[in-house]
């Protein structure tokens, strides 16, 4: 049982190191740079337009009696 545990640990560590090597390899740099800019590629929404869309939605703080 100890041999199986040791073998699975070594295989898991090798897989982890292979994934790290692949992720930071020189061939992945353009894809990583593009992925890093994705959050900034979203269009900006004007504040007034977002308030007009939800007059009675969950963000409404007025309480009607």
PDB file of N, CA and C in Angstrom:
ATOM      1  N   UNK A   1       0.830  -1.200   0.000  1.00  0.00           N
ATOM      2  CA  UNK A   1       0.000   0.000   0.000  1.00  0.00           C
ATOM      3  C   UNK A   1       0.871   1.259   0.000  1.00  0.00           C
ATOM      4  N   UNK A   2       1.984   1.236   0.702  1.00  0.00           N
ATOM      5  CA  UNK A   2       2.868   2.396   0.750  1.00  0.00           C
ATOM      6  C   UNK A   2       3.485   2.671  -0.614  1.00  0.00           C
ATOM      7  N   UNK A   3       3.756   1.627  -1.380  1.00  0.00           N
ATOM      8  CA  UNK A   3       4.335   1.808  -2.713  1.00  0.00           C
ATOM      9  C   UNK A   3       3.325   2.496  -3.634  1.00  0.00           C
ATOM     10  N   UNK A   4       2.070   2.105  -3.531  1.00  0.00           N
ATOM     11  CA  UNK A   4       1.016   2.724  -4.341  1.00  0.00           C
ATOM     12  C   UNK A   4       0.852   4.201  -3.981  1.00  0.00           C
ATOM     13  N   UNK A   5       0.900   4.518  -2.712  1.00  0.00           N
ATOM     14  CA  UNK A   5       0.795   5.905  -2.264  1.00  0.00           C
ATOM     15  C   UNK A   5       1.979   6.721  -2.756  1.00  0.00           C
ATOM     16  N   UNK A   6       3.178   6.179  -2.640  1.00  0.00           N
ATOM     17  CA  UNK A   6       4.378   6.874  -3.102  1.00  0.00           C
ATOM     18  C   UNK A   6       4.330   7.081  -4.616  1.00  0.00           C
ATOM     19  N   UNK A   7       3.904   6.076  -5.351  1.00  0.00           N
ATOM     20  CA  UNK A   7       3.808   6.179  -6.803  1.00  0.00           C
ATOM     21  C   UNK A   7       2.800   7.243  -7.215  1.00  0.00           C
ATOM     22  N   UNK A   8       1.654   7.267  -6.560  1.00  0.00           N
ATOM     23  CA  UNK A   8       0.639   8.263  -6.911  1.00  0.00           C
ATOM     24  C   UNK A   8       1.106   9.672  -6.550  1.00  0.00           C
ATOM     25  N   UNK A   9       1.879   9.809  -5.492  1.00  0.00           N
ATOM     26  CA  UNK A   9       2.423  11.113  -5.118  1.00  0.00           C
ATOM     27  C   UNK A   9       3.413  11.601  -6.170  1.00  0.00           C
ATOM     28  N   UNK A  10       4.282  10.710  -6.623  1.00  0.00           N
ATOM     29  CA  UNK A  10       5.274  11.073  -7.640  1.00  0.00           C
ATOM     30  C   UNK A  10       4.584  11.428  -8.955  1.00  0.00           C
ATOM     31  N   UNK A  11       3.587  10.670  -9.362  1.00  0.00           N
ATOM     32  CA  UNK A  11       2.867  10.950 -10.604  1.00  0.00           C
ATOM     33  C   UNK A  11       2.112  12.279 -10.490  1.00  0.00           C
ATOM     34  N   UNK A  12       1.502  12.518  -9.359  1.00  0.00           N
ATOM     35  CA  UNK A  12       0.775  13.783  -9.170  1.00  0.00           C
ATOM     36  C   UNK A  12       1.723  14.969  -9.197  1.00  0.00           C
ATOM     37  N   UNK A  13       2.877  14.846  -8.560  1.00  0.00           N
ATOM     38  CA  UNK A  13       3.854  15.928  -8.557  1.00  0.00           C
ATOM     39  C   UNK A  13       4.393  16.171  -9.966  1.00  0.00           C
ATOM     40  N   UNK A  14       4.631  15.112 -10.721  1.00  0.00           N
ATOM     41  CA  UNK A  14       5.102  15.259 -12.103  1.00  0.00           C
ATOM     42  C   UNK A  14       4.044  15.946 -12.962  1.00  0.00           C
ATOM     43  N   UNK A  15       2.779  15.588 -12.774  1.00  0.00           N
ATOM     44  CA  UNK A  15       1.700  16.228 -13.535  1.00  0.00           C
ATOM     45  C   UNK A  15       1.596  17.708 -13.174  1.00  0.00           C
ATOM     46  N   UNK A  16       1.707  18.031 -11.904  1.00  0.00           N
ATOM     47  CA  UNK A  16       1.648  19.423 -11.461  1.00  0.00           C
ATOM     48  C   UNK A  16       2.791  20.228 -12.071  1.00  0.00           C
ATOM     49  N   UNK A  17       3.998  19.706 -12.042  1.00  0.00           N
ATOM     50  CA  UNK A  17       5.141  20.417 -12.604  1.00  0.00           C
ATOM     51  C   UNK A  17       5.021  20.555 -14.119  1.00  0.00           C
ATOM     52  N   UNK A  18       4.468  19.544 -14.787  1.00  0.00           N
ATOM     53  CA  UNK A  18       4.266  19.625 -16.237  1.00  0.00           C
ATOM     54  C   UNK A  18       3.251  20.711 -16.586  1.00  0.00           C
ATOM     55  N   UNK A  19       2.188  20.825 -15.818  1.00  0.00           N
ATOM     56  CA  UNK A  19       1.183  21.869 -16.058  1.00  0.00           C
ATOM     57  C   UNK A  19       1.783  23.248 -15.820  1.00  0.00           C
ATOM     58  N   UNK A  20       2.574  23.400 -14.753  1.00  0.00           N
ATOM     59  CA  UNK A  20       3.237  24.683 -14.485  1.00  0.00           C
ATOM     60  C   UNK A  20       4.195  25.044 -15.611  1.00  0.00           C
ATOM     61  N   UNK A  21       4.960  24.078 -16.085  1.00  0.00           N
ATOM     62  CA  UNK A  21       5.895  24.323 -17.184  1.00  0.00           C
ATOM     63  C   UNK A  21       5.135  24.752 -18.442  1.00  0.00           C
ATOM     64  N   UNK A  22       4.029  24.074 -18.729  1.00  0.00           N
ATOM     65  CA  UNK A  22       3.237  24.400 -19.909  1.00  0.00           C
ATOM     66  C   UNK A  22       2.627  25.799 -19.794  1.00  0.00           C
ATOM     67  N   UNK A  23       2.108  26.126 -18.596  1.00  0.00           N
ATOM     68  CA  UNK A  23       1.419  27.406 -18.413  1.00  0.00           C
ATOM     69  C   UNK A  23       2.359  28.593 -18.562  1.00  0.00           C
ATOM     70  N   UNK A  24       3.607  28.451 -18.124  1.00  0.00           N
ATOM     71  CA  UNK A  24       4.553  29.557 -18.191  1.00  0.00           C
ATOM     72  C   UNK A  24       5.576  29.396 -19.306  1.00  0.00           C
ATOM     73  N   UNK A  25       5.312  28.540 -20.280  1.00  0.00           N
ATOM     74  CA  UNK A  25       6.240  28.375 -21.392  1.00  0.00           C
ATOM     75  C   UNK A  25       6.168  29.582 -22.321  1.00  0.00           C
ATOM     76  N   UNK A  26       7.204  29.756 -23.125  1.00  0.00           N
ATOM     77  CA  UNK A  26       7.284  30.921 -24.018  1.00  0.00           C
ATOM     78  C   UNK A  26       6.181  30.896 -25.070  1.00  0.00           C
ATOM     79  N   UNK A  27       5.743  29.739 -25.484  1.00  0.00           N
ATOM     80  CA  UNK A  27       4.695  29.645 -26.489  1.00  0.00           C
ATOM     81  C   UNK A  27       3.329  30.083 -25.987  1.00  0.00           C
ATOM     82  N   UNK A  28       3.130  30.115 -24.681  1.00  0.00           N
ATOM     83  CA  UNK A  28       1.847  30.519 -24.102  1.00  0.00           C
ATOM     84  C   UNK A  28       1.788  32.000 -23.769  1.00  0.00           C
ATOM     85  N   UNK A  29       2.877  32.731 -23.917  1.00  0.00           N
ATOM     86  CA  UNK A  29       2.890  34.144 -23.520  1.00  0.00           C
ATOM     87  C   UNK A  29       1.856  34.992 -24.253  1.00  0.00           C
ATOM     88  N   UNK A  30       1.673  34.854 -25.566  1.00  0.00           N
ATOM     89  CA  UNK A  30       0.625  35.671 -26.215  1.00  0.00           C
ATOM     90  C   UNK A  30      -0.785  35.336 -25.695  1.00  0.00           C
ATOM     91  N   UNK A  31      -1.068  34.065 -25.487  1.00  0.00           N
ATOM     92  CA  UNK A  31      -2.393  33.682 -24.986  1.00  0.00           C
ATOM     93  C   UNK A  31      -2.583  34.165 -23.552  1.00  0.00           C
ATOM     94  N   UNK A  32      -1.534  34.109 -22.742  1.00  0.00           N
ATOM     95  CA  UNK A  32      -1.629  34.590 -21.363  1.00  0.00           C
ATOM     96  C   UNK A  32      -1.837  36.102 -21.324  1.00  0.00           C
ATOM     97  N   UNK A  33      -1.154  36.826 -22.206  1.00  0.00           N
ATOM     98  CA  UNK A  33      -1.324  38.286 -22.254  1.00  0.00           C
ATOM     99  C   UNK A  33      -2.748  38.644 -22.678  1.00  0.00           C
ATOM    100  N   UNK A  34      -3.281  37.912 -23.658  1.00  0.00           N
ATOM    101  CA  UNK A  34      -4.655  38.167 -24.099  1.00  0.00           C
ATOM    102  C   UNK A  34      -5.656  37.858 -22.987  1.00  0.00           C
ATOM    103  N   UNK A  35      -5.452  36.769 -22.284  1.00  0.00           N
ATOM    104  CA  UNK A  35      -6.346  36.399 -21.184  1.00  0.00           C
ATOM    105  C   UNK A  35      -6.273  37.391 -20.038  1.00  0.00           C
ATOM    106  N   UNK A  36      -5.095  37.956 -19.814  1.00  0.00           N
ATOM    107  CA  UNK A  36      -4.938  38.930 -18.730  1.00  0.00           C
ATOM    108  C   UNK A  36      -5.704  40.218 -19.020  1.00  0.00           C
ATOM    109  N   UNK A  37      -5.934  40.529 -20.293  1.00  0.00           N
ATOM    110  CA  UNK A  37      -6.622  41.766 -20.655  1.00  0.00           C
ATOM    111  C   UNK A  37      -8.135  41.598 -20.783  1.00  0.00           C
ATOM    112  N   UNK A  38      -8.651  40.382 -20.670  1.00  0.00           N
ATOM    113  CA  UNK A  38     -10.094  40.149 -20.840  1.00  0.00           C
ATOM    114  C   UNK A  38     -10.973  40.953 -19.883  1.00  0.00           C
ATOM    115  N   UNK A  39     -10.642  41.103 -18.609  1.00  0.00           N
ATOM    116  CA  UNK A  39     -11.523  41.897 -17.737  1.00  0.00           C
ATOM    117  C   UNK A  39     -11.637  43.354 -18.164  1.00  0.00           C
ATOM    118  N   UNK A  40     -10.637  43.862 -18.842  1.00  0.00           N
ATOM    119  CA  UNK A  40     -10.655  45.262 -19.261  1.00  0.00           C
ATOM    120  C   UNK A  40     -11.312  45.445 -20.624  1.00  0.00           C
ATOM    121  N   UNK A  41     -11.658  44.362 -21.298  1.00  0.00           N
ATOM    122  CA  UNK A  41     -12.255  44.435 -22.626  1.00  0.00           C
ATOM    123  C   UNK A  41     -13.772  44.585 -22.586  1.00  0.00           C
ATOM    124  N   UNK A  42     -14.364  44.558 -21.407  1.00  0.00           N
ATOM    125  CA  UNK A  42     -15.806  44.696 -21.296  1.00  0.00           C
ATOM    126  C   UNK A  42     -16.223  46.136 -21.567  1.00  0.00           C
ATOM    127  N   UNK A  43     -17.347  46.335 -22.218  1.00  0.00           N
ATOM    128  CA  UNK A  43     -17.788  47.710 -22.482  1.00  0.00           C
ATOM    129  C   UNK A  43     -18.231  48.390 -21.188  1.00  0.00           C
ATOM    130  N   UNK A  44     -17.975  49.675 -21.114  1.00  0.00           N
ATOM    131  CA  UNK A  44     -18.395  50.442 -19.943  1.00  0.00           C
ATOM    132  C   UNK A  44     -19.875  50.760 -20.057  1.00  0.00           C
ATOM    133  N   UNK A  45     -20.588  50.626 -18.958  1.00  0.00           N
ATOM    134  CA  UNK A  45     -22.009  50.972 -18.923  1.00  0.00           C
ATOM    135  C   UNK A  45     -22.167  52.308 -18.234  1.00  0.00           C
ATOM    136  N   UNK A  46     -22.913  53.205 -18.827  1.00  0.00           N
ATOM    137  CA  UNK A  46     -23.171  54.473 -18.136  1.00  0.00           C
ATOM    138  C   UNK A  46     -24.030  54.238 -16.895  1.00  0.00           C
ATOM    139  N   UNK A  47     -23.794  55.007 -15.866  1.00  0.00           N
ATOM    140  CA  UNK A  47     -24.525  54.848 -14.608  1.00  0.00           C
ATOM    141  C   UNK A  47     -26.006  55.136 -14.788  1.00  0.00           C
ATOM    142  N   UNK A  48     -26.352  56.122 -15.582  1.00  0.00           N
ATOM    143  CA  UNK A  48     -27.759  56.477 -15.769  1.00  0.00           C
ATOM    144  C   UNK A  48     -28.535  55.340 -16.430  1.00  0.00           C
ATOM    145  N   UNK A  49     -27.933  54.658 -17.371  1.00  0.00           N
ATOM    146  CA  UNK A  49     -28.626  53.574 -18.064  1.00  0.00           C
ATOM    147  C   UNK A  49     -28.884  52.404 -17.117  1.00  0.00           C
ATOM    148  N   UNK A  50     -27.976  52.139 -16.213  1.00  0.00           N
ATOM    149  CA  UNK A  50     -28.194  51.024 -15.293  1.00  0.00           C
ATOM    150  C   UNK A  50     -29.279  51.361 -14.270  1.00  0.00           C
ATOM    151  N   UNK A  51     -29.447  52.623 -13.929  1.00  0.00           N
ATOM    152  CA  UNK A  51     -30.497  53.009 -12.987  1.00  0.00           C
ATOM    153  C   UNK A  51     -31.862  53.004 -13.653  1.00  0.00           C
ATOM    154  N   UNK A  52     -31.933  53.325 -14.940  1.00  0.00           N
ATOM    155  CA  UNK A  52     -33.213  53.351 -15.650  1.00  0.00           C
ATOM    156  C   UNK A  52     -33.770  51.948 -15.850  1.00  0.00           C
ATOM    157  N   UNK A  53     -32.915  50.959 -15.962  1.00  0.00           N
ATOM    158  CA  UNK A  53     -33.366  49.608 -16.258  1.00  0.00           C
ATOM    159  C   UNK A  53     -34.040  48.933 -15.065  1.00  0.00           C
ATOM    160  N   UNK A  54     -33.694  49.310 -13.845  1.00  0.00           N
ATOM    161  CA  UNK A  54     -34.243  48.596 -12.698  1.00  0.00           C
ATOM    162  C   UNK A  54     -35.002  49.528 -11.756  1.00  0.00           C
ATOM    163  N   UNK A  55     -36.151  50.077 -12.197  1.00  0.00           N
ATOM    164  CA  UNK A  55     -36.879  50.986 -11.314  1.00  0.00           C
ATOM    165  C   UNK A  55     -37.507  50.277 -10.116  1.00  0.00           C
ATOM    166  N   UNK A  56     -37.898  49.035 -10.247  1.00  0.00           N
ATOM    167  CA  UNK A  56     -38.508  48.334  -9.126  1.00  0.00           C
ATOM    168  C   UNK A  56     -37.809  47.024  -8.831  1.00  0.00           C
ATOM    169  N   UNK A  57     -36.566  46.918  -9.217  1.00  0.00           N
ATOM    170  CA  UNK A  57     -35.833  45.665  -9.083  1.00  0.00           C
ATOM    171  C   UNK A  57     -35.281  45.474  -7.682  1.00  0.00           C
ATOM    172  N   UNK A  58     -34.408  44.524  -7.556  1.00  0.00           N
ATOM    173  CA  UNK A  58     -33.846  44.163  -6.259  1.00  0.00           C
ATOM    174  C   UNK A  58     -32.953  45.251  -5.711  1.00  0.00           C
ATOM    175  N   UNK A  59     -32.456  46.151  -6.566  1.00  0.00           N
ATOM    176  CA  UNK A  59     -31.579  47.208  -6.092  1.00  0.00           C
ATOM    177  C   UNK A  59     -32.337  48.439  -5.612  1.00  0.00           C
ATOM    178  N   UNK A  60     -33.644  48.391  -5.681  1.00  0.00           N
ATOM    179  CA  UNK A  60     -34.440  49.534  -5.263  1.00  0.00           C
ATOM    180  C   UNK A  60     -34.432  49.604  -3.741  1.00  0.00           C
ATOM    181  N   UNK A  61     -34.036  50.764  -3.190  1.00  0.00           N
ATOM    182  CA  UNK A  61     -33.964  50.894  -1.735  1.00  0.00           C
ATOM    183  C   UNK A  61     -35.222  51.501  -1.134  1.00  0.00           C
ATOM    184  N   UNK A  62     -36.132  52.009  -1.963  1.00  0.00           N
ATOM    185  CA  UNK A  62     -37.379  52.568  -1.444  1.00  0.00           C
ATOM    186  C   UNK A  62     -38.329  51.430  -1.040  1.00  0.00           C
ATOM    187  N   UNK A  63     -38.995  51.638   0.042  1.00  0.00           N
ATOM    188  CA  UNK A  63     -39.996  50.660   0.460  1.00  0.00           C
ATOM    189  C   UNK A  63     -41.374  51.280   0.299  1.00  0.00           C
ATOM    190  N   UNK A  64     -42.248  50.560  -0.383  1.00  0.00           N
ATOM    191  CA  UNK A  64     -43.607  51.057  -0.576  1.00  0.00           C
ATOM    192  C   UNK A  64     -44.522  50.351   0.416  1.00  0.00           C
ATOM    193  N   UNK A  65     -45.441  51.117   0.996  1.00  0.00           N
ATOM    194  CA  UNK A  65     -46.368  50.549   1.992  1.00  0.00           C
ATOM    195  C   UNK A  65     -47.725  50.378   1.401  1.00  0.00           C
TER     196      UNK A  65
END
